[in-house]
Amino acid sequence: MTHENVAMIAGATGQGGAYLGETYSVREFVELAFAQIGHRIEWRGRGVNEEGIDAHGGDVLVAVIRGISG
């Protein structure tokens, strides 16, 4: 997946790379990004205990890592 694909999935850029001002939840972004590579995400848990699970294989693909901040 290229940076352009990620921007397209996120709805962040339009023609010429102009910002469109659209917002998406992290959950929506994750679901769309994994769909691009053929994975459907199911969610389990709540809050910091929530995990994104591969709907077909049951593997945890997304999890919160405590102690990481921006």
PDB file of N, CA and C in Angstrom:
ATOM      1  N   MET A   1       0.855  -1.170   0.000  1.00  0.00           N
ATOM      2  CA  MET A   1       0.000   0.000   0.000  1.00  0.00           C
ATOM      3  C   MET A   1       0.899   1.230   0.000  1.00  0.00           C
ATOM      4  N   THR A   2       0.597   2.170  -0.854  1.00  0.00           N
ATOM      5  CA  THR A   2       1.400   3.392  -0.950  1.00  0.00           C
ATOM      6  C   THR A   2       0.808   4.484  -0.067  1.00  0.00           C
ATOM      7  N   HIS A   3       1.569   5.550   0.117  1.00  0.00           N
ATOM      8  CA  HIS A   3       1.065   6.690   0.881  1.00  0.00           C
ATOM      9  C   HIS A   3      -0.178   7.287   0.218  1.00  0.00           C
ATOM     10  N   GLU A   4      -0.212   7.239  -1.120  1.00  0.00           N
ATOM     11  CA  GLU A   4      -1.368   7.753  -1.836  1.00  0.00           C
ATOM     12  C   GLU A   4      -2.616   6.923  -1.525  1.00  0.00           C
ATOM     13  N   ASN A   5      -2.461   5.590  -1.419  1.00  0.00           N
ATOM     14  CA  ASN A   5      -3.587   4.738  -1.058  1.00  0.00           C
ATOM     15  C   ASN A   5      -4.106   5.082   0.330  1.00  0.00           C
ATOM     16  N   VAL A   6      -3.189   5.292   1.263  1.00  0.00           N
ATOM     17  CA  VAL A   6      -3.588   5.623   2.634  1.00  0.00           C
ATOM     18  C   VAL A   6      -4.325   6.948   2.648  1.00  0.00           C
ATOM     19  N   ALA A   7      -3.836   7.941   1.940  1.00  0.00           N
ATOM     20  CA  ALA A   7      -4.512   9.233   1.890  1.00  0.00           C
ATOM     21  C   ALA A   7      -5.889   9.097   1.256  1.00  0.00           C
ATOM     22  N   MET A   8      -5.988   8.282   0.204  1.00  0.00           N
ATOM     23  CA  MET A   8      -7.270   8.071  -0.461  1.00  0.00           C
ATOM     24  C   MET A   8      -8.248   7.390   0.498  1.00  0.00           C
ATOM     25  N   ILE A   9      -7.779   6.353   1.197  1.00  0.00           N
ATOM     26  CA  ILE A   9      -8.630   5.641   2.139  1.00  0.00           C
ATOM     27  C   ILE A   9      -9.105   6.582   3.235  1.00  0.00           C
ATOM     28  N   ALA A  10      -8.207   7.402   3.739  1.00  0.00           N
ATOM     29  CA  ALA A  10      -8.533   8.318   4.826  1.00  0.00           C
ATOM     30  C   ALA A  10      -9.410   9.472   4.358  1.00  0.00           C
ATOM     31  N   GLY A  11      -9.512   9.682   3.040  1.00  0.00           N
ATOM     32  CA  GLY A  11     -10.299  10.802   2.528  1.00  0.00           C
ATOM     33  C   GLY A  11      -9.613  12.127   2.759  1.00  0.00           C
ATOM     34  N   ALA A  12      -8.302  12.090   2.929  1.00  0.00           N
ATOM     35  CA  ALA A  12      -7.574  13.291   3.302  1.00  0.00           C
ATOM     36  C   ALA A  12      -7.250  14.193   2.125  1.00  0.00           C
ATOM     37  N   THR A  13      -7.177  13.648   0.930  1.00  0.00           N
ATOM     38  CA  THR A  13      -6.800  14.483  -0.199  1.00  0.00           C
ATOM     39  C   THR A  13      -7.766  14.318  -1.351  1.00  0.00           C
ATOM     40  N   GLY A  14      -7.856  15.351  -2.143  1.00  0.00           N
ATOM     41  CA  GLY A  14      -8.688  15.334  -3.338  1.00  0.00           C
ATOM     42  C   GLY A  14      -7.818  15.598  -4.541  1.00  0.00           C
ATOM     43  N   GLN A  15      -8.371  16.209  -5.568  1.00  0.00           N
ATOM     44  CA  GLN A  15      -7.605  16.511  -6.766  1.00  0.00           C
ATOM     45  C   GLN A  15      -6.422  17.395  -6.409  1.00  0.00           C
ATOM     46  N   GLY A  16      -5.278  17.062  -6.938  1.00  0.00           N
ATOM     47  CA  GLY A  16      -4.081  17.853  -6.688  1.00  0.00           C
ATOM     48  C   GLY A  16      -3.588  17.753  -5.260  1.00  0.00           C
ATOM     49  N   GLY A  17      -4.094  16.816  -4.492  1.00  0.00           N
ATOM     50  CA  GLY A  17      -3.641  16.642  -3.117  1.00  0.00           C
ATOM     51  C   GLY A  17      -4.249  17.639  -2.148  1.00  0.00           C
ATOM     52  N   ALA A  18      -5.299  18.354  -2.562  1.00  0.00           N
ATOM     53  CA  ALA A  18      -5.905  19.353  -1.680  1.00  0.00           C
ATOM     54  C   ALA A  18      -6.654  18.670  -0.535  1.00  0.00           C
ATOM     55  N   TYR A  19      -6.494  19.192   0.655  1.00  0.00           N
ATOM     56  CA  TYR A  19      -7.156  18.639   1.834  1.00  0.00           C
ATOM     57  C   TYR A  19      -8.652  18.911   1.747  1.00  0.00           C
ATOM     58  N   LEU A  20      -9.464  17.870   1.960  1.00  0.00           N
ATOM     59  CA  LEU A  20     -10.915  17.997   1.847  1.00  0.00           C
ATOM     60  C   LEU A  20     -11.586  18.271   3.183  1.00  0.00           C
ATOM     61  N   GLY A  21     -10.872  18.100   4.291  1.00  0.00           N
ATOM     62  CA  GLY A  21     -11.436  18.368   5.599  1.00  0.00           C
ATOM     63  C   GLY A  21     -12.377  17.292   6.109  1.00  0.00           C
ATOM     64  N   GLU A  22     -12.365  16.118   5.494  1.00  0.00           N
ATOM     65  CA  GLU A  22     -13.214  15.032   5.960  1.00  0.00           C
ATOM     66  C   GLU A  22     -12.522  14.314   7.112  1.00  0.00           C
ATOM     67  N   THR A  23     -13.305  13.832   8.058  1.00  0.00           N
ATOM     68  CA  THR A  23     -12.723  13.100   9.175  1.00  0.00           C
ATOM     69  C   THR A  23     -13.334  11.708   9.260  1.00  0.00           C
ATOM     70  N   TYR A  24     -12.544  10.768   9.725  1.00  0.00           N
ATOM     71  CA  TYR A  24     -12.957   9.386   9.901  1.00  0.00           C
ATOM     72  C   TYR A  24     -12.439   8.910  11.250  1.00  0.00           C
ATOM     73  N   SER A  25     -13.135   7.978  11.848  1.00  0.00           N
ATOM     74  CA  SER A  25     -12.649   7.405  13.096  1.00  0.00           C
ATOM     75  C   SER A  25     -11.477   6.483  12.798  1.00  0.00           C
ATOM     76  N   VAL A  26     -10.688   6.202  13.815  1.00  0.00           N
ATOM     77  CA  VAL A  26      -9.586   5.255  13.657  1.00  0.00           C
ATOM     78  C   VAL A  26     -10.146   3.901  13.243  1.00  0.00           C
ATOM     79  N   ARG A  27     -11.260   3.524  13.818  1.00  0.00           N
ATOM     80  CA  ARG A  27     -11.894   2.246  13.478  1.00  0.00           C
ATOM     81  C   ARG A  27     -12.230   2.196  11.985  1.00  0.00           C
ATOM     82  N   GLU A  28     -12.844   3.264  11.452  1.00  0.00           N
ATOM     83  CA  GLU A  28     -13.185   3.310  10.025  1.00  0.00           C
ATOM     84  C   GLU A  28     -11.928   3.211   9.162  1.00  0.00           C
ATOM     85  N   PHE A  29     -10.889   3.960   9.554  1.00  0.00           N
ATOM     86  CA  PHE A  29      -9.641   3.936   8.797  1.00  0.00           C
ATOM     87  C   PHE A  29      -9.046   2.529   8.769  1.00  0.00           C
ATOM     88  N   VAL A  30      -9.003   1.878   9.931  1.00  0.00           N
ATOM     89  CA  VAL A  30      -8.454   0.526  10.027  1.00  0.00           C
ATOM     90  C   VAL A  30      -9.244  -0.442   9.152  1.00  0.00           C
ATOM     91  N   GLU A  31     -10.572  -0.375   9.226  1.00  0.00           N
ATOM     92  CA  GLU A  31     -11.404  -1.274   8.429  1.00  0.00           C
ATOM     93  C   GLU A  31     -11.170  -1.073   6.940  1.00  0.00           C
ATOM     94  N   LEU A  32     -11.105   0.169   6.504  1.00  0.00           N
ATOM     95  CA  LEU A  32     -10.878   0.459   5.084  1.00  0.00           C
ATOM     96  C   LEU A  32      -9.479   0.049   4.641  1.00  0.00           C
ATOM     97  N   ALA A  33      -8.481   0.310   5.481  1.00  0.00           N
ATOM     98  CA  ALA A  33      -7.107  -0.037   5.124  1.00  0.00           C
ATOM     99  C   ALA A  33      -6.941  -1.547   5.002  1.00  0.00           C
ATOM    100  N   PHE A  34      -7.456  -2.297   5.975  1.00  0.00           N
ATOM    101  CA  PHE A  34      -7.330  -3.753   5.903  1.00  0.00           C
ATOM    102  C   PHE A  34      -8.166  -4.332   4.767  1.00  0.00           C
ATOM    103  N   ALA A  35      -9.280  -3.710   4.427  1.00  0.00           N
ATOM    104  CA  ALA A  35     -10.084  -4.178   3.297  1.00  0.00           C
ATOM    105  C   ALA A  35      -9.284  -4.098   1.996  1.00  0.00           C
ATOM    106  N   GLN A  36      -8.392  -3.125   1.900  1.00  0.00           N
ATOM    107  CA  GLN A  36      -7.561  -2.982   0.701  1.00  0.00           C
ATOM    108  C   GLN A  36      -6.643  -4.172   0.493  1.00  0.00           C
ATOM    109  N   ILE A  37      -6.314  -4.889   1.564  1.00  0.00           N
ATOM    110  CA  ILE A  37      -5.448  -6.056   1.438  1.00  0.00           C
ATOM    111  C   ILE A  37      -6.206  -7.357   1.715  1.00  0.00           C
ATOM    112  N   GLY A  38      -7.540  -7.274   1.639  1.00  0.00           N
ATOM    113  CA  GLY A  38      -8.365  -8.469   1.689  1.00  0.00           C
ATOM    114  C   GLY A  38      -8.725  -9.001   3.066  1.00  0.00           C
ATOM    115  N   HIS A  39      -8.625  -8.171   4.095  1.00  0.00           N
ATOM    116  CA  HIS A  39      -8.980  -8.609   5.450  1.00  0.00           C
ATOM    117  C   HIS A  39     -10.200  -7.842   5.950  1.00  0.00           C
ATOM    118  N   ARG A  40     -11.151  -8.562   6.530  1.00  0.00           N
ATOM    119  CA  ARG A  40     -12.294  -7.921   7.186  1.00  0.00           C
ATOM    120  C   ARG A  40     -12.033  -7.955   8.678  1.00  0.00           C
ATOM    121  N   ILE A  41     -12.187  -6.800   9.320  1.00  0.00           N
ATOM    122  CA  ILE A  41     -11.904  -6.660  10.747  1.00  0.00           C
ATOM    123  C   ILE A  41     -13.191  -6.747  11.547  1.00  0.00           C
ATOM    124  N   GLU A  42     -13.171  -7.544  12.608  1.00  0.00           N
ATOM    125  CA  GLU A  42     -14.237  -7.562  13.611  1.00  0.00           C
ATOM    126  C   GLU A  42     -13.637  -7.025  14.900  1.00  0.00           C
ATOM    127  N   TRP A  43     -14.458  -6.324  15.671  1.00  0.00           N
ATOM    128  CA  TRP A  43     -13.970  -5.689  16.895  1.00  0.00           C
ATOM    129  C   TRP A  43     -14.422  -6.464  18.119  1.00  0.00           C
ATOM    130  N   ARG A  44     -13.494  -6.592  19.079  1.00  0.00           N
ATOM    131  CA  ARG A  44     -13.766  -7.304  20.323  1.00  0.00           C
ATOM    132  C   ARG A  44     -13.225  -6.455  21.467  1.00  0.00           C
ATOM    133  N   GLY A  45     -13.984  -6.394  22.577  1.00  0.00           N
ATOM    134  CA  GLY A  45     -13.553  -5.618  23.732  1.00  0.00           C
ATOM    135  C   GLY A  45     -14.013  -4.174  23.651  1.00  0.00           C
ATOM    136  N   ARG A  46     -13.570  -3.373  24.629  1.00  0.00           N
ATOM    137  CA  ARG A  46     -13.948  -1.954  24.688  1.00  0.00           C
ATOM    138  C   ARG A  46     -12.764  -1.131  25.147  1.00  0.00           C
ATOM    139  N   GLY A  47     -12.757   0.131  24.725  1.00  0.00           N
ATOM    140  CA  GLY A  47     -11.723   1.062  25.176  1.00  0.00           C
ATOM    141  C   GLY A  47     -10.318   0.553  24.888  1.00  0.00           C
ATOM    142  N   VAL A  48      -9.423   0.664  25.883  1.00  0.00           N
ATOM    143  CA  VAL A  48      -8.039   0.244  25.674  1.00  0.00           C
ATOM    144  C   VAL A  48      -7.912  -1.268  25.546  1.00  0.00           C
ATOM    145  N   ASN A  49      -8.971  -1.996  25.839  1.00  0.00           N
ATOM    146  CA  ASN A  49      -8.954  -3.449  25.694  1.00  0.00           C
ATOM    147  C   ASN A  49      -9.543  -3.923  24.367  1.00  0.00           C
ATOM    148  N   GLU A  50      -9.898  -2.983  23.499  1.00  0.00           N
ATOM    149  CA  GLU A  50     -10.493  -3.345  22.218  1.00  0.00           C
ATOM    150  C   GLU A  50      -9.412  -3.861  21.264  1.00  0.00           C
ATOM    151  N   GLU A  51      -9.760  -4.882  20.483  1.00  0.00           N
ATOM    152  CA  GLU A  51      -8.852  -5.451  19.502  1.00  0.00           C
ATOM    153  C   GLU A  51      -9.575  -5.618  18.176  1.00  0.00           C
ATOM    154  N   GLY A  52      -8.834  -5.441  17.098  1.00  0.00           N
ATOM    155  CA  GLY A  52      -9.337  -5.708  15.761  1.00  0.00           C
ATOM    156  C   GLY A  52      -8.894  -7.093  15.342  1.00  0.00           C
ATOM    157  N   ILE A  53      -9.857  -7.958  15.091  1.00  0.00           N
ATOM    158  CA  ILE A  53      -9.601  -9.366  14.797  1.00  0.00           C
ATOM    159  C   ILE A  53      -9.858  -9.642  13.321  1.00  0.00           C
ATOM    160  N   ASP A  54      -8.986 -10.426  12.701  1.00  0.00           N
ATOM    161  CA  ASP A  54      -9.218 -10.878  11.327  1.00  0.00           C
ATOM    162  C   ASP A  54     -10.443 -11.790  11.343  1.00  0.00           C
ATOM    163  N   ALA A  55     -11.493 -11.395  10.628  1.00  0.00           N
ATOM    164  CA  ALA A  55     -12.764 -12.122  10.646  1.00  0.00           C
ATOM    165  C   ALA A  55     -12.622 -13.549  10.118  1.00  0.00           C
ATOM    166  N   HIS A  56     -11.638 -13.802   9.280  1.00  0.00           N
ATOM    167  CA  HIS A  56     -11.492 -15.140   8.695  1.00  0.00           C
ATOM    168  C   HIS A  56     -10.553 -16.037   9.485  1.00  0.00           C
ATOM    169  N   GLY A  57      -9.462 -15.482   9.978  1.00  0.00           N
ATOM    170  CA  GLY A  57      -8.466 -16.311  10.651  1.00  0.00           C
ATOM    171  C   GLY A  57      -8.468 -16.213  12.161  1.00  0.00           C
ATOM    172  N   GLY A  58      -9.107 -15.155  12.700  1.00  0.00           N
ATOM    173  CA  GLY A  58      -9.159 -14.976  14.140  1.00  0.00           C
ATOM    174  C   GLY A  58      -7.919 -14.351  14.751  1.00  0.00           C
ATOM    175  N   ASP A  59      -6.936 -13.970  13.928  1.00  0.00           N
ATOM    176  CA  ASP A  59      -5.723 -13.350  14.446  1.00  0.00           C
ATOM    177  C   ASP A  59      -5.998 -11.913  14.882  1.00  0.00           C
ATOM    178  N   VAL A  60      -5.328 -11.473  15.935  1.00  0.00           N
ATOM    179  CA  VAL A  60      -5.408 -10.079  16.370  1.00  0.00           C
ATOM    180  C   VAL A  60      -4.537  -9.264  15.416  1.00  0.00           C
ATOM    181  N   LEU A  61      -5.147  -8.316  14.709  1.00  0.00           N
ATOM    182  CA  LEU A  61      -4.426  -7.471  13.760  1.00  0.00           C
ATOM    183  C   LEU A  61      -4.236  -6.051  14.274  1.00  0.00           C
ATOM    184  N   VAL A  62      -5.096  -5.636  15.242  1.00  0.00           N
ATOM    185  CA  VAL A  62      -5.030  -4.276  15.776  1.00  0.00           C
ATOM    186  C   VAL A  62      -5.236  -4.361  17.284  1.00  0.00           C
ATOM    187  N   ALA A  63      -4.347  -3.702  18.027  1.00  0.00           N
ATOM    188  CA  ALA A  63      -4.480  -3.672  19.486  1.00  0.00           C
ATOM    189  C   ALA A  63      -3.917  -2.371  20.021  1.00  0.00           C
ATOM    190  N   VAL A  64      -4.380  -1.964  21.170  1.00  0.00           N
ATOM    191  CA  VAL A  64      -3.871  -0.776  21.845  1.00  0.00           C
ATOM    192  C   VAL A  64      -2.602  -1.161  22.588  1.00  0.00           C
ATOM    193  N   ILE A  65      -1.570  -0.347  22.432  1.00  0.00           N
ATOM    194  CA  ILE A  65      -0.331  -0.538  23.190  1.00  0.00           C
ATOM    195  C   ILE A  65      -0.286   0.554  24.250  1.00  0.00           C
ATOM    196  N   ARG A  66      -0.416   0.178  25.475  1.00  0.00           N
ATOM    197  CA  ARG A  66      -0.405   1.151  26.572  1.00  0.00           C
ATOM    198  C   ARG A  66       0.970   1.788  26.699  1.00  0.00           C
ATOM    199  N   GLY A  67       0.964   3.053  27.104  1.00  0.00           N
ATOM    200  CA  GLY A  67       2.207   3.747  27.337  1.00  0.00           C
ATOM    201  C   GLY A  67       2.788   4.429  26.126  1.00  0.00           C
ATOM    202  N   ILE A  68       2.133   4.298  24.982  1.00  0.00           N
ATOM    203  CA  ILE A  68       2.592   4.971  23.770  1.00  0.00           C
ATOM    204  C   ILE A  68       1.773   6.241  23.605  1.00  0.00           C
ATOM    205  N   SER A  69       2.418   7.363  23.462  1.00  0.00           N
ATOM    206  CA  SER A  69       1.677   8.604  23.226  1.00  0.00           C
ATOM    207  C   SER A  69       2.427   9.445  22.213  1.00  0.00           C
ATOM    208  N   GLY A  70       1.671  10.353  21.574  1.00  0.00           N
ATOM    209  CA  GLY A  70       2.247  11.161  20.517  1.00  0.00           C
ATOM    210  C   GLY A  70       2.906  12.362  20.932  1.00  0.00           C
TER     211      GLY A  70
END
